[in-house]
Amino acid sequence: MSAEYIRSEQGTNTRNGGREGTDIGQGAGYQELKKFTMNVLSLSDDAKKKLRRELGLIV
């Protein structure tokens, strides 16, 4: 099969037999991204504005 990932009931199998977690979104780095996102969402409005400005998302 030419697909790089094959979805199965047990999780996502890679072509070489490796495993990528047990469900969509549970792969490597997902928990880190989720934690970071929750931290950003919990910032005050002023802190969010400052972060956006520092990241160049707003002028």
PDB file of N, CA and C in Angstrom:
ATOM      1  N   MET A   1       0.848  -1.183   0.000  1.00  0.00           N
ATOM      2  CA  MET A   1       0.000   0.000   0.000  1.00  0.00           C
ATOM      3  C   MET A   1       0.887   1.237   0.000  1.00  0.00           C
ATOM      4  N   SER A   2       0.530   2.236  -0.781  1.00  0.00           N
ATOM      5  CA  SER A   2       1.395   3.396  -0.941  1.00  0.00           C
ATOM      6  C   SER A   2       1.185   4.466   0.121  1.00  0.00           C
ATOM      7  N   ALA A   3       0.133   4.353   0.917  1.00  0.00           N
ATOM      8  CA  ALA A   3      -0.109   5.356   1.962  1.00  0.00           C
ATOM      9  C   ALA A   3       0.958   5.250   3.039  1.00  0.00           C
ATOM     10  N   GLU A   4       1.398   6.413   3.511  1.00  0.00           N
ATOM     11  CA  GLU A   4       2.447   6.409   4.529  1.00  0.00           C
ATOM     12  C   GLU A   4       1.919   5.898   5.871  1.00  0.00           C
ATOM     13  N   TYR A   5       0.678   6.212   6.172  1.00  0.00           N
ATOM     14  CA  TYR A   5       0.084   5.770   7.426  1.00  0.00           C
ATOM     15  C   TYR A   5      -1.165   4.956   7.139  1.00  0.00           C
ATOM     16  N   ILE A   6      -1.336   3.893   7.887  1.00  0.00           N
ATOM     17  CA  ILE A   6      -2.508   3.046   7.745  1.00  0.00           C
ATOM     18  C   ILE A   6      -3.276   3.100   9.059  1.00  0.00           C
ATOM     19  N   ARG A   7      -4.530   3.533   9.001  1.00  0.00           N
ATOM     20  CA  ARG A   7      -5.352   3.664  10.207  1.00  0.00           C
ATOM     21  C   ARG A   7      -5.907   2.292  10.574  1.00  0.00           C
ATOM     22  N   SER A   8      -5.815   1.942  11.842  1.00  0.00           N
ATOM     23  CA  SER A   8      -6.385   0.690  12.315  1.00  0.00           C
ATOM     24  C   SER A   8      -7.093   0.936  13.639  1.00  0.00           C
ATOM     25  N   GLU A   9      -7.810  -0.058  14.121  1.00  0.00           N
ATOM     26  CA  GLU A   9      -8.524   0.086  15.387  1.00  0.00           C
ATOM     27  C   GLU A   9      -7.558   0.277  16.551  1.00  0.00           C
ATOM     28  N   GLN A  10      -6.359  -0.255  16.459  1.00  0.00           N
ATOM     29  CA  GLN A  10      -5.396  -0.169  17.552  1.00  0.00           C
ATOM     30  C   GLN A  10      -4.605   1.130  17.542  1.00  0.00           C
ATOM     31  N   GLY A  11      -4.651   1.889  16.483  1.00  0.00           N
ATOM     32  CA  GLY A  11      -3.881   3.125  16.407  1.00  0.00           C
ATOM     33  C   GLY A  11      -3.395   3.351  14.994  1.00  0.00           C
ATOM     34  N   THR A  12      -2.413   4.189  14.857  1.00  0.00           N
ATOM     35  CA  THR A  12      -1.865   4.512  13.548  1.00  0.00           C
ATOM     36  C   THR A  12      -0.560   3.751  13.367  1.00  0.00           C
ATOM     37  N   ASN A  13      -0.510   2.894  12.364  1.00  0.00           N
ATOM     38  CA  ASN A  13       0.696   2.125  12.083  1.00  0.00           C
ATOM     39  C   ASN A  13       1.480   2.809  10.979  1.00  0.00           C
ATOM     40  N   THR A  14       2.774   2.965  11.187  1.00  0.00           N
ATOM     41  CA  THR A  14       3.600   3.530  10.129  1.00  0.00           C
ATOM     42  C   THR A  14       4.009   2.418   9.180  1.00  0.00           C
ATOM     43  N   ARG A  15       4.542   2.813   8.047  1.00  0.00           N
ATOM     44  CA  ARG A  15       4.906   1.843   7.023  1.00  0.00           C
ATOM     45  C   ARG A  15       5.952   0.845   7.521  1.00  0.00           C
ATOM     46  N   ASN A  16       6.858   1.303   8.373  1.00  0.00           N
ATOM     47  CA  ASN A  16       7.929   0.422   8.829  1.00  0.00           C
ATOM     48  C   ASN A  16       7.558  -0.352  10.094  1.00  0.00           C
ATOM     49  N   GLY A  17       6.298  -0.336  10.490  1.00  0.00           N
ATOM     50  CA  GLY A  17       5.870  -1.119  11.638  1.00  0.00           C
ATOM     51  C   GLY A  17       5.880  -0.366  12.949  1.00  0.00           C
ATOM     52  N   GLY A  18       6.275   0.910  12.926  1.00  0.00           N
ATOM     53  CA  GLY A  18       6.279   1.698  14.159  1.00  0.00           C
ATOM     54  C   GLY A  18       4.877   2.088  14.586  1.00  0.00           C
ATOM     55  N   ARG A  19       4.771   2.648  15.769  1.00  0.00           N
ATOM     56  CA  ARG A  19       3.469   3.059  16.288  1.00  0.00           C
ATOM     57  C   ARG A  19       3.467   4.564  16.514  1.00  0.00           C
ATOM     58  N   GLU A  20       2.324   5.196  16.317  1.00  0.00           N
ATOM     59  CA  GLU A  20       2.199   6.645  16.484  1.00  0.00           C
ATOM     60  C   GLU A  20       1.146   6.992  17.521  1.00  0.00           C
ATOM     61  N   GLY A  21       0.908   6.159  18.514  1.00  0.00           N
ATOM     62  CA  GLY A  21      -0.117   6.480  19.499  1.00  0.00           C
ATOM     63  C   GLY A  21      -1.355   5.634  19.291  1.00  0.00           C
ATOM     64  N   THR A  22      -2.363   5.884  20.097  1.00  0.00           N
ATOM     65  CA  THR A  22      -3.543   5.037  20.053  1.00  0.00           C
ATOM     66  C   THR A  22      -4.757   5.740  19.484  1.00  0.00           C
ATOM     67  N   ASP A  23      -4.669   7.034  19.244  1.00  0.00           N
ATOM     68  CA  ASP A  23      -5.817   7.753  18.712  1.00  0.00           C
ATOM     69  C   ASP A  23      -5.326   8.982  17.964  1.00  0.00           C
ATOM     70  N   ILE A  24      -6.204   9.568  17.184  1.00  0.00           N
ATOM     71  CA  ILE A  24      -5.855  10.783  16.454  1.00  0.00           C
ATOM     72  C   ILE A  24      -5.467  11.866  17.461  1.00  0.00           C
ATOM     73  N   GLY A  25      -4.372  12.546  17.207  1.00  0.00           N
ATOM     74  CA  GLY A  25      -3.953  13.618  18.090  1.00  0.00           C
ATOM     75  C   GLY A  25      -3.145  13.167  19.287  1.00  0.00           C
ATOM     76  N   GLN A  26      -2.837  11.895  19.400  1.00  0.00           N
ATOM     77  CA  GLN A  26      -2.071  11.418  20.543  1.00  0.00           C
ATOM     78  C   GLN A  26      -0.629  11.076  20.163  1.00  0.00           C
ATOM     79  N   GLY A  27      -0.193  11.515  18.992  1.00  0.00           N
ATOM     80  CA  GLY A  27       1.158  11.228  18.546  1.00  0.00           C
ATOM     81  C   GLY A  27       2.196  12.054  19.286  1.00  0.00           C
ATOM     82  N   ALA A  28       3.430  11.910  18.862  1.00  0.00           N
ATOM     83  CA  ALA A  28       4.539  12.607  19.513  1.00  0.00           C
ATOM     84  C   ALA A  28       4.344  14.113  19.443  1.00  0.00           C
ATOM     85  N   GLY A  29       4.521  14.786  20.552  1.00  0.00           N
ATOM     86  CA  GLY A  29       4.427  16.231  20.599  1.00  0.00           C
ATOM     87  C   GLY A  29       3.037  16.776  20.869  1.00  0.00           C
ATOM     88  N   TYR A  30       2.019  15.943  20.760  1.00  0.00           N
ATOM     89  CA  TYR A  30       0.651  16.432  20.947  1.00  0.00           C
ATOM     90  C   TYR A  30       0.432  16.955  22.359  1.00  0.00           C
ATOM     91  N   GLN A  31       0.889  16.216  23.360  1.00  0.00           N
ATOM     92  CA  GLN A  31       0.686  16.643  24.748  1.00  0.00           C
ATOM     93  C   GLN A  31       1.419  17.946  25.028  1.00  0.00           C
ATOM     94  N   GLU A  32       2.617  18.108  24.464  1.00  0.00           N
ATOM     95  CA  GLU A  32       3.374  19.351  24.650  1.00  0.00           C
ATOM     96  C   GLU A  32       2.628  20.525  24.027  1.00  0.00           C
ATOM     97  N   LEU A  33       2.114  20.334  22.822  1.00  0.00           N
ATOM     98  CA  LEU A  33       1.369  21.392  22.146  1.00  0.00           C
ATOM     99  C   LEU A  33       0.095  21.736  22.909  1.00  0.00           C
ATOM    100  N   LYS A  34      -0.586  20.716  23.410  1.00  0.00           N
ATOM    101  CA  LYS A  34      -1.817  20.938  24.171  1.00  0.00           C
ATOM    102  C   LYS A  34      -1.523  21.742  25.436  1.00  0.00           C
ATOM    103  N   LYS A  35      -0.442  21.387  26.141  1.00  0.00           N
ATOM    104  CA  LYS A  35      -0.069  22.094  27.365  1.00  0.00           C
ATOM    105  C   LYS A  35       0.261  23.560  27.064  1.00  0.00           C
ATOM    106  N   PHE A  36       1.033  23.786  26.000  1.00  0.00           N
ATOM    107  CA  PHE A  36       1.388  25.148  25.609  1.00  0.00           C
ATOM    108  C   PHE A  36       0.144  25.960  25.257  1.00  0.00           C
ATOM    109  N   THR A  37      -0.754  25.354  24.486  1.00  0.00           N
ATOM    110  CA  THR A  37      -1.983  26.045  24.086  1.00  0.00           C
ATOM    111  C   THR A  37      -2.824  26.412  25.293  1.00  0.00           C
ATOM    112  N   MET A  38      -2.959  25.501  26.243  1.00  0.00           N
ATOM    113  CA  MET A  38      -3.749  25.782  27.442  1.00  0.00           C
ATOM    114  C   MET A  38      -3.100  26.905  28.252  1.00  0.00           C
ATOM    115  N   ASN A  39      -1.772  26.929  28.315  1.00  0.00           N
ATOM    116  CA  ASN A  39      -1.077  28.006  29.023  1.00  0.00           C
ATOM    117  C   ASN A  39      -1.324  29.351  28.356  1.00  0.00           C
ATOM    118  N   VAL A  40      -1.272  29.387  27.034  1.00  0.00           N
ATOM    119  CA  VAL A  40      -1.512  30.637  26.310  1.00  0.00           C
ATOM    120  C   VAL A  40      -2.949  31.097  26.512  1.00  0.00           C
ATOM    121  N   LEU A  41      -3.889  30.161  26.454  1.00  0.00           N
ATOM    122  CA  LEU A  41      -5.296  30.525  26.623  1.00  0.00           C
ATOM    123  C   LEU A  41      -5.589  31.057  28.018  1.00  0.00           C
ATOM    124  N   SER A  42      -4.800  30.646  29.001  1.00  0.00           N
ATOM    125  CA  SER A  42      -5.052  31.085  30.373  1.00  0.00           C
ATOM    126  C   SER A  42      -4.412  32.441  30.689  1.00  0.00           C
ATOM    127  N   LEU A  43      -3.665  33.015  29.739  1.00  0.00           N
ATOM    128  CA  LEU A  43      -3.056  34.325  29.961  1.00  0.00           C
ATOM    129  C   LEU A  43      -4.124  35.413  30.018  1.00  0.00           C
ATOM    130  N   SER A  44      -3.794  36.505  30.688  1.00  0.00           N
ATOM    131  CA  SER A  44      -4.704  37.655  30.706  1.00  0.00           C
ATOM    132  C   SER A  44      -4.746  38.280  29.313  1.00  0.00           C
ATOM    133  N   ASP A  45      -5.758  39.098  29.067  1.00  0.00           N
ATOM    134  CA  ASP A  45      -5.887  39.740  27.755  1.00  0.00           C
ATOM    135  C   ASP A  45      -4.669  40.600  27.428  1.00  0.00           C
ATOM    136  N   ASP A  46      -4.154  41.329  28.433  1.00  0.00           N
ATOM    137  CA  ASP A  46      -2.970  42.160  28.198  1.00  0.00           C
ATOM    138  C   ASP A  46      -1.763  41.304  27.826  1.00  0.00           C
ATOM    139  N   ALA A  47      -1.598  40.180  28.519  1.00  0.00           N
ATOM    140  CA  ALA A  47      -0.472  39.293  28.224  1.00  0.00           C
ATOM    141  C   ALA A  47      -0.614  38.681  26.834  1.00  0.00           C
ATOM    142  N   LYS A  48      -1.846  38.342  26.427  1.00  0.00           N
ATOM    143  CA  LYS A  48      -2.067  37.801  25.080  1.00  0.00           C
ATOM    144  C   LYS A  48      -1.702  38.841  24.025  1.00  0.00           C
ATOM    145  N   LYS A  49      -2.095  40.105  24.258  1.00  0.00           N
ATOM    146  CA  LYS A  49      -1.773  41.174  23.308  1.00  0.00           C
ATOM    147  C   LYS A  49      -0.262  41.350  23.192  1.00  0.00           C
ATOM    148  N   LYS A  50       0.427  41.321  24.341  1.00  0.00           N
ATOM    149  CA  LYS A  50       1.882  41.474  24.333  1.00  0.00           C
ATOM    150  C   LYS A  50       2.539  40.309  23.582  1.00  0.00           C
ATOM    151  N   LEU A  51       2.052  39.096  23.817  1.00  0.00           N
ATOM    152  CA  LEU A  51       2.599  37.921  23.138  1.00  0.00           C
ATOM    153  C   LEU A  51       2.384  38.020  21.630  1.00  0.00           C
ATOM    154  N   ARG A  52       1.188  38.417  21.214  1.00  0.00           N
ATOM    155  CA  ARG A  52       0.917  38.576  19.782  1.00  0.00           C
ATOM    156  C   ARG A  52       1.848  39.619  19.169  1.00  0.00           C
ATOM    157  N   ARG A  53       2.042  40.726  19.886  1.00  0.00           N
ATOM    158  CA  ARG A  53       2.917  41.787  19.392  1.00  0.00           C
ATOM    159  C   ARG A  53       4.345  41.266  19.257  1.00  0.00           C
ATOM    160  N   GLU A  54       4.815  40.537  20.273  1.00  0.00           N
ATOM    161  CA  GLU A  54       6.191  40.019  20.244  1.00  0.00           C
ATOM    162  C   GLU A  54       6.387  38.985  19.136  1.00  0.00           C
ATOM    163  N   LEU A  55       5.342  38.224  18.838  1.00  0.00           N
ATOM    164  CA  LEU A  55       5.442  37.216  17.786  1.00  0.00           C
ATOM    165  C   LEU A  55       5.219  37.802  16.396  1.00  0.00           C
ATOM    166  N   GLY A  56       4.874  39.087  16.351  1.00  0.00           N
ATOM    167  CA  GLY A  56       4.652  39.738  15.069  1.00  0.00           C
ATOM    168  C   GLY A  56       3.300  39.435  14.458  1.00  0.00           C
ATOM    169  N   LEU A  57       2.351  38.987  15.285  1.00  0.00           N
ATOM    170  CA  LEU A  57       1.034  38.656  14.761  1.00  0.00           C
ATOM    171  C   LEU A  57       0.143  39.878  14.627  1.00  0.00           C
ATOM    172  N   ILE A  58       0.447  40.935  15.413  1.00  0.00           N
ATOM    173  CA  ILE A  58      -0.263  42.205  15.273  1.00  0.00           C
ATOM    174  C   ILE A  58       0.760  43.322  15.276  1.00  0.00           C
ATOM    175  N   VAL A  59       0.372  44.455  14.754  1.00  0.00           N
ATOM    176  CA  VAL A  59       1.306  45.596  14.679  1.00  0.00           C
ATOM    177  C   VAL A  59       1.160  46.459  15.912  1.00  0.00           C
TER     178      VAL A  59
END
